[in-house]
Structures are given as C-alpha cells and as structure tokens.
C-alpha atoms as a PDB file:
ATOM      1  CA  MET A   1      17.094  -8.733  23.823  1.00  0.00           C
ATOM      2  CA  LYS A   2      19.995  -7.844  26.131  1.00  0.00           C
ATOM      3  CA  GLN A   3      20.501  -4.591  24.246  1.00  0.00           C
ATOM      4  CA  ASN A   4      16.851  -3.627  24.802  1.00  0.00           C
ATOM      5  CA  LEU A   5      17.104  -4.448  28.526  1.00  0.00           C
ATOM      6  CA  LYS A   6      20.214  -2.280  28.848  1.00  0.00           C
ATOM      7  CA  LYS A   7      18.395   0.599  27.155  1.00  0.00           C
ATOM      8  CA  ALA A   8      15.511   0.267  29.631  1.00  0.00           C
ATOM      9  CA  ILE A   9      17.720   0.517  32.734  1.00  0.00           C
ATOM     10  CA  PRO A  10      18.030   4.367  32.742  1.00  0.00           C
ATOM     11  CA  THR A  11      14.250   4.697  32.327  1.00  0.00           C
ATOM     12  CA  VAL A  12      13.541   2.285  35.195  1.00  0.00           C
ATOM     13  CA  ILE A  13      16.022   4.081  37.462  1.00  0.00           C
ATOM     14  CA  THR A  14      14.463   7.463  36.625  1.00  0.00           C
ATOM     15  CA  ILE A  15      10.940   6.212  37.387  1.00  0.00           C
ATOM     16  CA  CYS A  16      12.103   4.722  40.698  1.00  0.00           C
ATOM     17  CA  LEU A  17      13.796   7.988  41.696  1.00  0.00           C
ATOM     18  CA  ILE A  18      10.643   9.982  40.879  1.00  0.00           C
ATOM     19  CA  LEU A  19       8.508   7.591  42.948  1.00  0.00           C
ATOM     20  CA  VAL A  20      10.919   7.827  45.893  1.00  0.00           C
ATOM     21  CA  LEU A  21      10.879  11.619  45.621  1.00  0.00           C
ATOM     22  CA  PHE A  22       7.061  11.789  45.650  1.00  0.00           C
ATOM     23  CA  GLN A  23       6.893   9.313  48.527  1.00  0.00           C
ATOM     24  CA  THR A  24       9.305  11.448  50.531  1.00  0.00           C
ATOM     25  CA  LEU A  25       7.494  14.716  49.767  1.00  0.00           C
ATOM     26  CA  THR A  26       4.100  13.273  50.727  1.00  0.00           C
ATOM     27  CA  SER A  27       5.493  11.684  53.900  1.00  0.00           C
ATOM     28  CA  LEU A  28       6.939  15.042  54.953  1.00  0.00           C
ATOM     29  CA  GLY A  29       3.639  16.763  54.188  1.00  0.00           C
ATOM     30  CA  ILE A  30       5.124  19.014  51.508  1.00  0.00           C
ATOM     31  CA  ILE A  31       2.685  17.506  48.987  1.00  0.00           C
ATOM     32  CA  LYS A  32      -0.764  16.885  50.450  1.00  0.00           C
ATOM     33  CA  ASP A  33      -2.471  13.531  49.954  1.00  0.00           C
ATOM     34  CA  PHE A  34      -5.592  15.217  48.599  1.00  0.00           C
ATOM     35  CA  VAL A  35      -3.490  16.762  45.822  1.00  0.00           C
ATOM     36  CA  ILE A  36      -1.304  13.811  44.798  1.00  0.00           C
ATOM     37  CA  PRO A  37      -1.458  10.559  46.807  1.00  0.00           C
ATOM     38  CA  ALA A  38       1.714   8.837  47.931  1.00  0.00           C
ATOM     39  CA  PRO A  39       2.969   6.056  45.645  1.00  0.00           C
ATOM     40  CA  SER A  40       2.552   3.611  48.555  1.00  0.00           C
ATOM     41  CA  ALA A  41      -1.140   4.556  48.774  1.00  0.00           C
ATOM     42  CA  VAL A  42      -1.571   3.991  45.039  1.00  0.00           C
ATOM     43  CA  ILE A  43       0.106   0.580  45.261  1.00  0.00           C
ATOM     44  CA  LYS A  44      -2.161  -0.318  48.180  1.00  0.00           C
ATOM     45  CA  ALA A  45      -5.207   0.738  46.137  1.00  0.00           C
ATOM     46  CA  LEU A  46      -4.025  -1.408  43.231  1.00  0.00           C
ATOM     47  CA  VAL A  47      -4.023  -4.419  45.542  1.00  0.00           C
ATOM     48  CA  THR A  48      -7.180  -3.749  47.568  1.00  0.00           C
ATOM     49  CA  GLU A  49      -9.261  -2.627  44.563  1.00  0.00           C
ATOM     50  CA  HIS A  50      -8.131  -5.406  42.238  1.00  0.00           C
ATOM     51  CA  SER A  51     -11.386  -7.365  42.526  1.00  0.00           C
ATOM     52  CA  ILE A  52     -13.376  -4.236  41.620  1.00  0.00           C
ATOM     53  CA  LEU A  53     -10.953  -3.041  38.939  1.00  0.00           C
ATOM     54  CA  LYS A  54     -10.848  -6.414  37.190  1.00  0.00           C
ATOM     55  CA  ASP A  55     -14.141  -6.045  35.315  1.00  0.00           C
ATOM     56  CA  HIS A  56     -13.367  -2.427  34.401  1.00  0.00           C
ATOM     57  CA  ILE A  57      -9.951  -3.448  33.063  1.00  0.00           C
ATOM     58  CA  ILE A  58     -11.389  -6.272  30.966  1.00  0.00           C
ATOM     59  CA  THR A  59     -14.044  -3.979  29.454  1.00  0.00           C
ATOM     60  CA  THR A  60     -11.600  -1.215  28.508  1.00  0.00           C
ATOM     61  CA  THR A  61      -9.077  -3.726  27.147  1.00  0.00           C
ATOM     62  CA  LEU A  62     -11.633  -5.426  24.903  1.00  0.00           C
ATOM     63  CA  ILE A  63     -12.934  -2.116  23.545  1.00  0.00           C
ATOM     64  CA  SER A  64      -9.381  -0.883  22.883  1.00  0.00           C
ATOM     65  CA  ILE A  65      -8.187  -4.031  21.122  1.00  0.00           C
ATOM     66  CA  LEU A  66     -11.377  -4.553  19.115  1.00  0.00           C
ATOM     67  CA  GLY A  67     -11.495  -0.902  18.027  1.00  0.00           C
ATOM     68  CA  LEU A  68      -7.841  -1.020  16.962  1.00  0.00           C
ATOM     69  CA  ALA A  69      -8.377  -4.328  15.152  1.00  0.00           C
ATOM     70  CA  ILE A  70     -11.232  -2.831  13.125  1.00  0.00           C
ATOM     71  CA  ALA A  71      -9.324   0.396  12.430  1.00  0.00           C
ATOM     72  CA  ILE A  72      -6.330  -1.479  10.964  1.00  0.00           C
ATOM     73  CA  PRO A  73      -7.968  -2.936   7.813  1.00  0.00           C
ATOM     74  CA  PHE A  74     -10.249   0.085   7.480  1.00  0.00           C
ATOM     75  CA  GLY A  75      -7.323   2.530   7.610  1.00  0.00           C
ATOM     76  CA  ALA A  76      -5.076   0.420   5.379  1.00  0.00           C
ATOM     77  CA  LEU A  77      -7.779  -0.001   2.723  1.00  0.00           C
ATOM     78  CA  THR A  78      -8.550   3.733   2.820  1.00  0.00           C
ATOM     79  CA  ALA A  79      -4.874   4.607   2.337  1.00  0.00           C
ATOM     80  CA  ILE A  80      -4.558   2.241  -0.628  1.00  0.00           C
ATOM     81  CA  LEU A  81      -7.710   3.623  -2.286  1.00  0.00           C
ATOM     82  CA  LEU A  82      -6.597   7.223  -1.795  1.00  0.00           C
ATOM     83  CA  HIS A  83      -3.196   6.399  -3.265  1.00  0.00           C
ATOM     84  CA  GLN A  84      -4.514   4.447  -6.246  1.00  0.00           C
ATOM     85  CA  ILE A  85      -7.414   6.760  -7.142  1.00  0.00           C
ATOM     86  CA  PRO A  86      -6.330  10.446  -7.334  1.00  0.00           C
ATOM     87  CA  ILE A  87      -9.886  11.809  -7.428  1.00  0.00           C
ATOM     88  CA  LEU A  88     -10.641  10.096  -4.107  1.00  0.00           C
ATOM     89  CA  TYR A  89      -7.469  11.586  -2.657  1.00  0.00           C
ATOM     90  CA  ARG A  90      -8.473  15.115  -3.695  1.00  0.00           C
ATOM     91  CA  ALA A  91     -12.021  14.602  -2.405  1.00  0.00           C
ATOM     92  CA  PHE A  92     -11.439  12.918   0.962  1.00  0.00           C
ATOM     93  CA  TYR A  93      -7.898  13.719   2.118  1.00  0.00           C
ATOM     94  CA  PRO A  94      -8.784  17.297   3.183  1.00  0.00           C
ATOM     95  CA  LEU A  95     -11.849  15.957   5.016  1.00  0.00           C
ATOM     96  CA  ILE A  96      -9.744  13.382   6.883  1.00  0.00           C
ATOM     97  CA  ILE A  97      -7.314  16.097   7.962  1.00  0.00           C
ATOM     98  CA  ALA A  98     -10.147  18.444   8.968  1.00  0.00           C
ATOM     99  CA  SER A  99     -11.789  15.725  11.060  1.00  0.00           C
ATOM    100  CA  GLN A 100      -8.755  15.672  13.345  1.00  0.00           C
ATOM    101  CA  THR A 101      -9.270  19.310  14.334  1.00  0.00           C
ATOM    102  CA  ILE A 102     -12.312  18.211  16.367  1.00  0.00           C
ATOM    103  CA  PRO A 103     -11.250  17.147  19.896  1.00  0.00           C
ATOM    104  CA  THR A 104     -12.215  13.596  20.853  1.00  0.00           C
ATOM    105  CA  ILE A 105     -13.822  14.780  24.070  1.00  0.00           C
ATOM    106  CA  VAL A 106     -16.154  17.001  22.005  1.00  0.00           C
ATOM    107  CA  ILE A 107     -17.212  14.440  19.422  1.00  0.00           C
ATOM    108  CA  THR A 108     -17.761  11.631  21.955  1.00  0.00           C
ATOM    109  CA  PRO A 109     -21.034  13.034  23.425  1.00  0.00           C
ATOM    110  CA  ILE A 110     -22.353  13.545  19.887  1.00  0.00           C
ATOM    111  CA  ILE A 111     -21.688   9.898  19.038  1.00  0.00           C
ATOM    112  CA  VAL A 112     -23.391   8.813  22.273  1.00  0.00           C
ATOM    113  CA  ILE A 113     -26.456  10.945  21.432  1.00  0.00           C
ATOM    114  CA  MET A 114     -26.592   9.444  17.940  1.00  0.00           C
ATOM    115  CA  PHE A 115     -26.042   5.787  18.868  1.00  0.00           C
ATOM    116  CA  GLY A 116     -27.075   5.658  22.520  1.00  0.00           C
ATOM    117  CA  PHE A 117     -25.262   4.183  25.510  1.00  0.00           C
ATOM    118  CA  GLY A 118     -23.481   0.880  25.265  1.00  0.00           C
ATOM    119  CA  VAL A 119     -20.523  -0.747  23.561  1.00  0.00           C
ATOM    120  CA  TRP A 120     -20.989   0.497  19.976  1.00  0.00           C
ATOM    121  CA  PRO A 121     -20.510   4.234  20.630  1.00  0.00           C
ATOM    122  CA  ARG A 122     -17.307   3.511  22.572  1.00  0.00           C
ATOM    123  CA  LEU A 123     -16.076   1.217  19.818  1.00  0.00           C
ATOM    124  CA  LEU A 124     -16.781   3.836  17.170  1.00  0.00           C
ATOM    125  CA  VAL A 125     -14.779   6.472  19.075  1.00  0.00           C
ATOM    126  CA  VAL A 126     -11.762   4.141  19.284  1.00  0.00           C
ATOM    127  CA  ILE A 127     -12.014   3.312  15.570  1.00  0.00           C
ATOM    128  CA  LEU A 128     -12.174   6.977  14.573  1.00  0.00           C
ATOM    129  CA  VAL A 129      -9.206   7.931  16.763  1.00  0.00           C
ATOM    130  CA  CYS A 130      -7.021   5.016  15.637  1.00  0.00           C
ATOM    131  CA  PHE A 131      -7.990   5.407  11.990  1.00  0.00           C
ATOM    132  CA  PHE A 132      -6.245   8.739  11.349  1.00  0.00           C
ATOM    133  CA  PRO A 133      -2.557   8.103  12.245  1.00  0.00           C
ATOM    134  CA  LEU A 134      -2.686   4.676  10.648  1.00  0.00           C
ATOM    135  CA  THR A 135      -4.155   5.958   7.378  1.00  0.00           C
ATOM    136  CA  ILE A 136      -1.930   9.021   7.062  1.00  0.00           C
ATOM    137  CA  SER A 137       1.301   7.155   7.855  1.00  0.00           C
ATOM    138  CA  PHE A 138       0.514   4.310   5.449  1.00  0.00           C
ATOM    139  CA  LEU A 139      -0.529   6.757   2.736  1.00  0.00           C
ATOM    140  CA  GLN A 140       2.741   8.659   3.169  1.00  0.00           C
ATOM    141  CA  GLY A 141       4.692   5.413   2.920  1.00  0.00           C
ATOM    142  CA  LEU A 142       2.917   4.470  -0.315  1.00  0.00           C
ATOM    143  CA  ALA A 143       3.711   7.879  -1.785  1.00  0.00           C
ATOM    144  CA  GLU A 144       7.421   7.561  -0.960  1.00  0.00           C
ATOM    145  CA  ILE A 145       8.029   4.346  -2.919  1.00  0.00           C
ATOM    146  CA  ASP A 146      10.944   4.746  -5.338  1.00  0.00           C
ATOM    147  CA  PRO A 147       9.496   5.806  -8.737  1.00  0.00           C
ATOM    148  CA  ASP A 148      12.209   3.835 -10.544  1.00  0.00           C
ATOM    149  CA  ILE A 149      10.894   0.598  -9.032  1.00  0.00           C
ATOM    150  CA  LEU A 150       7.377   1.474 -10.176  1.00  0.00           C
ATOM    151  CA  ARG A 151       8.644   2.190 -13.691  1.00  0.00           C
ATOM    152  CA  LEU A 152      10.486  -1.143 -13.652  1.00  0.00           C
ATOM    153  CA  MET A 153       7.244  -2.934 -12.772  1.00  0.00           C
ATOM    154  CA  LYS A 154       5.550  -1.217 -15.729  1.00  0.00           C
ATOM    155  CA  THR A 155       8.265  -2.336 -18.127  1.00  0.00           C
ATOM    156  CA  MET A 156       7.705  -5.882 -16.870  1.00  0.00           C
ATOM    157  CA  ASP A 157       3.976  -5.550 -17.699  1.00  0.00           C
ATOM    158  CA  ALA A 158       3.008  -5.973 -14.053  1.00  0.00           C
ATOM    159  CA  THR A 159      -0.645  -5.386 -13.272  1.00  0.00           C
ATOM    160  CA  THR A 160      -1.824  -2.851 -10.707  1.00  0.00           C
ATOM    161  CA  ASN A 161      -2.550  -5.596  -8.209  1.00  0.00           C
ATOM    162  CA  GLN A 162       0.883  -7.175  -8.741  1.00  0.00           C
ATOM    163  CA  THR A 163       2.609  -3.829  -8.209  1.00  0.00           C
ATOM    164  CA  LEU A 164       0.539  -3.256  -5.119  1.00  0.00           C
ATOM    165  CA  TYR A 165       1.284  -6.706  -3.677  1.00  0.00           C
ATOM    166  CA  HIS A 166       4.995  -6.957  -4.557  1.00  0.00           C
ATOM    167  CA  VAL A 167       6.165  -3.328  -4.278  1.00  0.00           C
ATOM    168  CA  LEU A 168       3.802  -0.798  -2.736  1.00  0.00           C
ATOM    169  CA  VAL A 169       2.548  -2.625   0.355  1.00  0.00           C
ATOM    170  CA  PRO A 170       5.900  -4.229   1.335  1.00  0.00           C
ATOM    171  CA  GLY A 171       7.720  -0.932   0.780  1.00  0.00           C
ATOM    172  CA  ALA A 172       5.226   1.024   2.881  1.00  0.00           C
ATOM    173  CA  LEU A 173       5.101  -1.439   5.804  1.00  0.00           C
ATOM    174  CA  PRO A 174       7.585   0.537   7.952  1.00  0.00           C
ATOM    175  CA  SER A 175       5.366   3.614   7.647  1.00  0.00           C
ATOM    176  CA  PHE A 176       2.305   1.468   8.304  1.00  0.00           C
ATOM    177  CA  PHE A 177       3.747   0.223  11.581  1.00  0.00           C
ATOM    178  CA  ALA A 178       4.863   3.715  12.549  1.00  0.00           C
ATOM    179  CA  GLY A 179       1.237   4.802  12.345  1.00  0.00           C
ATOM    180  CA  LEU A 180       0.060   1.607  14.024  1.00  0.00           C
ATOM    181  CA  LYS A 181       2.287   2.306  17.044  1.00  0.00           C
ATOM    182  CA  ILE A 182       0.656   5.713  17.453  1.00  0.00           C
ATOM    183  CA  SER A 183      -2.800   4.194  17.069  1.00  0.00           C
ATOM    184  CA  ALA A 184      -1.935   1.529  19.640  1.00  0.00           C
ATOM    185  CA  THR A 185      -1.187   4.159  22.286  1.00  0.00           C
ATOM    186  CA  TYR A 186      -4.307   6.116  21.325  1.00  0.00           C
ATOM    187  CA  SER A 187      -6.600   3.085  21.540  1.00  0.00           C
ATOM    188  CA  VAL A 188      -6.732   2.862  25.347  1.00  0.00           C
ATOM    189  CA  THR A 189      -6.896   6.644  25.800  1.00  0.00           C
ATOM    190  CA  SER A 190      -9.780   6.968  23.349  1.00  0.00           C
ATOM    191  CA  ALA A 191     -11.595   4.051  25.022  1.00  0.00           C
ATOM    192  CA  VAL A 192     -11.293   5.804  28.386  1.00  0.00           C
ATOM    193  CA  LEU A 193     -12.529   9.099  26.939  1.00  0.00           C
ATOM    194  CA  SER A 194     -15.498   7.367  25.323  1.00  0.00           C
ATOM    195  CA  GLU A 195     -16.428   5.874  28.704  1.00  0.00           C
ATOM    196  CA  TRP A 196     -16.706   9.321  30.285  1.00  0.00           C
ATOM    197  CA  SER A 197     -19.914   9.933  28.347  1.00  0.00           C
ATOM    198  CA  GLY A 198     -21.443   6.544  29.092  1.00  0.00           C
ATOM    199  CA  SER A 199     -22.289   4.258  31.961  1.00  0.00           C
ATOM    200  CA  GLY A 200     -21.539   0.723  33.039  1.00  0.00           C
ATOM    201  CA  LEU A 201     -18.036  -0.711  33.214  1.00  0.00           C
ATOM    202  CA  GLY A 202     -14.666   0.658  32.126  1.00  0.00           C
ATOM    203  CA  LEU A 203     -11.568   2.311  33.553  1.00  0.00           C
ATOM    204  CA  GLY A 204     -12.833   5.709  32.396  1.00  0.00           C
ATOM    205  CA  ILE A 205     -16.034   5.300  34.393  1.00  0.00           C
ATOM    206  CA  TYR A 206     -14.132   4.024  37.442  1.00  0.00           C
ATOM    207  CA  LEU A 207     -11.734   6.983  37.167  1.00  0.00           C
ATOM    208  CA  MET A 208     -14.573   9.518  37.123  1.00  0.00           C
ATOM    209  CA  ARG A 209     -16.361   7.851  40.054  1.00  0.00           C
ATOM    210  CA  THR A 210     -13.242   7.843  42.235  1.00  0.00           C
ATOM    211  CA  LYS A 211     -12.460  11.432  41.269  1.00  0.00           C
ATOM    212  CA  ARG A 212     -15.929  12.616  42.303  1.00  0.00           C
ATOM    213  CA  SER A 213     -15.609  10.760  45.611  1.00  0.00           C
ATOM    214  CA  TYR A 214     -12.142  12.301  46.189  1.00  0.00           C
ATOM    215  CA  ALA A 215     -10.565   8.831  46.399  1.00  0.00           C
ATOM    216  CA  TYR A 216      -7.433   9.986  44.604  1.00  0.00           C
ATOM    217  CA  ASP A 217      -5.402   6.903  45.504  1.00  0.00           C
ATOM    218  CA  LYS A 218      -7.955   4.752  43.653  1.00  0.00           C
ATOM    219  CA  MET A 219      -8.101   7.279  40.816  1.00  0.00           C
ATOM    220  CA  PHE A 220      -4.319   7.096  40.345  1.00  0.00           C
ATOM    221  CA  ALA A 221      -4.542   3.296  40.516  1.00  0.00           C
ATOM    222  CA  SER A 222      -6.828   3.378  37.471  1.00  0.00           C
ATOM    223  CA  ILE A 223      -4.390   5.743  35.736  1.00  0.00           C
ATOM    224  CA  VAL A 224      -1.569   3.259  36.337  1.00  0.00           C
ATOM    225  CA  TRP A 225      -3.665   0.565  34.674  1.00  0.00           C
ATOM    226  CA  ILE A 226      -4.439   2.860  31.718  1.00  0.00           C
ATOM    227  CA  ILE A 227      -0.722   3.492  31.210  1.00  0.00           C
ATOM    228  CA  GLY A 228       0.051  -0.203  31.598  1.00  0.00           C
ATOM    229  CA  LEU A 229      -2.547  -1.308  29.043  1.00  0.00           C
ATOM    230  CA  SER A 230      -1.283   1.304  26.553  1.00  0.00           C
ATOM    231  CA  LEU A 231       2.279   0.023  26.918  1.00  0.00           C
ATOM    232  CA  ILE A 232       1.212  -3.613  26.564  1.00  0.00           C
ATOM    233  CA  ILE A 233      -0.629  -2.925  23.291  1.00  0.00           C
ATOM    234  CA  TYR A 234       2.270  -0.752  22.066  1.00  0.00           C
ATOM    235  CA  PHE A 235       4.873  -3.469  22.688  1.00  0.00           C
ATOM    236  CA  ALA A 236       2.560  -6.055  21.125  1.00  0.00           C
ATOM    237  CA  VAL A 237       2.628  -3.963  17.939  1.00  0.00           C
ATOM    238  CA  ILE A 238       6.440  -3.804  18.086  1.00  0.00           C
ATOM    239  CA  LEU A 239       6.561  -7.597  18.393  1.00  0.00           C
ATOM    240  CA  LEU A 240       4.203  -7.930  15.439  1.00  0.00           C
ATOM    241  CA  GLU A 241       6.442  -5.586  13.444  1.00  0.00           C
ATOM    242  CA  TYR A 242       9.487  -7.748  14.139  1.00  0.00           C
ATOM    243  CA  LEU A 243       7.577 -10.854  13.052  1.00  0.00           C
ATOM    244  CA  ILE A 244       6.293  -9.340   9.793  1.00  0.00           C
ATOM    245  CA  ILE A 245       9.430  -7.305   8.953  1.00  0.00           C
ATOM    246  CA  PRO A 246      12.369  -9.505  10.045  1.00  0.00           C
ATOM    247  CA  GLN A 247      14.966  -7.032   8.756  1.00  0.00           C
ATOM    248  CA  LYS A 248      13.656  -4.500  11.278  1.00  0.00           C
ATOM    249  CA  LYS A 249      15.265  -6.551  14.042  1.00  0.00           C
ATOM    250  CA  TYR A 250      18.681  -6.374  12.421  1.00  0.00           C
ATOM    251  CA  GLN A 251      18.333  -2.652  11.718  1.00  0.00           C
ATOM    252  CA  THR A 252      17.577  -2.080  15.405  1.00  0.00           C
ATOM    253  CA  VAL A 253      20.578  -4.149  16.489  1.00  0.00           C
ATOM    254  CA  ASN A 254      22.924  -2.347  14.090  1.00  0.00           C
ATOM    255  CA  SER A 255      21.682   1.089  15.142  1.00  0.00           C
ATOM    256  CA  SER A 256      22.382   0.270  18.799  1.00  0.00           C
ATOM    257  CA  LYS A 257      26.028  -0.582  18.114  1.00  0.00           C
END
C-alpha cells in the first residue's frame, strides 16, 4: 500500500502544478474563460451544481456498471467458444475485428433508431464497446497457454471441461483482467457517448446542455466527474484482480523493488 502511495506522489504533484499553471494563466487573462475556465471556477461549479449533477451521475454510473457487468460473462464465454471451436473462430473472429473499425459515435444513432430512446440503447452501446477488449485479451491469453501443460492433461485423461477449469481459465486470467481494465475505462466513456443521442438524465446529456449554453465551467465539472467515475471503476477492477489472483499482489511488490 505504501509503495503504491509513493508511486502516486509524482502524478499528484504534476496535476497540482498543471492546475496552478492554468489558474495563473486564466487570472492573468492569457487564457480566456470562454476558452478554458479557471480551475477555481470548475471547483465552484462542482459544488454549486452538485444537487443537479447528482441524478446525472447516478444514471451514468448505473449504465456503465451494468453494461460492463453484462459484457464480462458475454465476452468471456465468446472467447472460450472461439478458442474451443476452431470453425467459430474462423467465422466470427474477423467479424469481431471488423466491428471495431466503426466509430462508437457513428453506431450509437443507429442503435437509438433501432431500439428507440431510453435505457436499453445506452446499455447496448456500453456492452458492445466493453465486449471487444475483454474478448480479444482473454482469447489471446487462452491461446498462449503452455502446450506442454495441455499435453500433460491429455495424458492424464482429463476431459475438455477439466482442462478448461484447471488450466485454461486460470492461466488466462491475467490476460482477462488486462482486457477488463481497458473495458472498465471504456464503460463510462461509452455511456456518455450513448447519452449524446438520447434524452433524459446522464452526464453526457448534461455536458451537451452546458456546452450549448456556453457554461464551460459546468461543462468541465461534468468532465471531472466522467474522469473520476472511470478511475473508480478502473481501480475497482484492480482490487478485484488482487482478490482473485493473490500472486498478482506479490508480483507487483517484487517489481517495485
């Protein structure tokens, strides 16, 4: 824990110096408030707009977490099926890769047109965005399992399910969590993007409203919350990784020495 806190000190100092620099430049009029608001104005907006932001924050958080939670088993199961059944891999892997060439901001309006306004289109966007890195990373981890271990399981007459449970899944967990960390950071961003094409509550909707009204201090306040929620979900995944893979903790400690 102390090691992690020491590592965070340079980052915290850098952020503080950047904030002081922007505050100074805006106070001197070098950077205009209508371009980038002063950090003090953003902090003030965070406080004064808290009662309004609260419902938007709750909505975006629920969509992000629920979408990620659905994408996890869906992506993991897809990776296992593609690894275990070669014909499925040849049929669907190129399609999964090709699907990522379509920008999220382009596909979101299409999903809204197909499913209408409301929670489900937003949820679907988050699931689709989180699905890809999770599936690809887990699939790569399954493919990198030591072949000698797999041959050993065969000589012991292990069934496919036994090999999967005792060797493949445990061995691919580090890759699984690597993809899950990426998906965790994408979950909030994709939720915000999905809200741009809808109506109601959400940080994405609040951001667009404040942008159109030129209330840039409030707009940056919503951006701060978006960054904060992404970091919270990201660190929650790291904590989950330490709980499920205890040796990861000791590897991290040893690498920091």
